[in-house]
Amino acid sequence: MKFEYEGNENEGSSLNSGGKSKGSEANVQMRVLVANVEQRMAEFLRASLVKHGIVVETAADVFDAIFGETENNYDCIILQADPGVMNELFASSAVTAPVLAIADENTVDARVRALDAGADDCLKIPFAVSELVARIRALCRRSSRFSKSHEMTDDLHDFEYVRALKLVKRSDRNVSLTHTEDIILGQLLQKVGSVMESAEIAFRVWGSRGQDRTNLVAVHVANLRRKIDRGHPYRIIHTARGRGYFVNTRDKLNSIRSLGMDDRYTR
């Protein structure tokens, strides 16, 4: 397999200098995941991108990296152009970073398949590292520019969620969430007042691998309650007995009780 490098090795190193690179805002060090590519390519990509001031993590299996229990927040994901892998990956809501696919087939059809499967961009082999870095920067800028700050505030004016910043505030106190907790809360907030079954939450978080992880949903929801609701007279996260969970940012006690919700979380 052939790779090519073009340009000065030091090009882009200012990404980690705190200065400004050409055409960008004040720089924050980018974090990239390289997964599901052969070892030789992974090593090449890591060595090349590090020279440009980019933090690189590699994984043999993208699902282990994305769906693991460790805190993994990536600015960009680089994958081998495999439609099967990408279709399964994008079935969940865990992938919030832009995805750049690497196609070893130098054909239009191969690139179209990767893009149709959900990739945000596709680069064919052989490629110049300078072009790869430019595409990564463009994806990260575009992702940041088009992500809307989504705020939700309850009637008590003490709950705020800004998805773009993964920021939760309760009574002006910042609440730190893990990646998985943030995904679950985001899903619940998309359906305020509606029950999401545990199985549906597991699927949206872990994709097809979430089938046997409903017990983990309960663990993460318990952690969310501890962080967000503990010490407050009104609860944000509620339980629908035998069904799942829902978020209610308003006092709808009567409607909640009519659905058979857990009264412990309706005060």
Foldseek 3Di string as FASTA:
>chain_A
DDAAADDDLQPQLCLPVQPDDPPDDRHDAFEEEEECDDPVVLVVLCVSVVSNRHHYDYDDQVLCQQQPPDFDDGQEYEHAQDLVSLLQVVQAQSDLHAYEHEYADPDPVSQVSSVVSPHPYYDYPHDYSVVVVVVSVVRSVVSLVPDAQDWDAFPVRAWIAGLSVRWIGGNNDTFDDGSLLSLLVVVQVVPAPDFDFLCNSQCNRNNPVSNPVSVVVVVSVVVVCVRHPPPHPAAQKWAQPPGGIHGYRYQPLVVCVVSRTDVVHRD
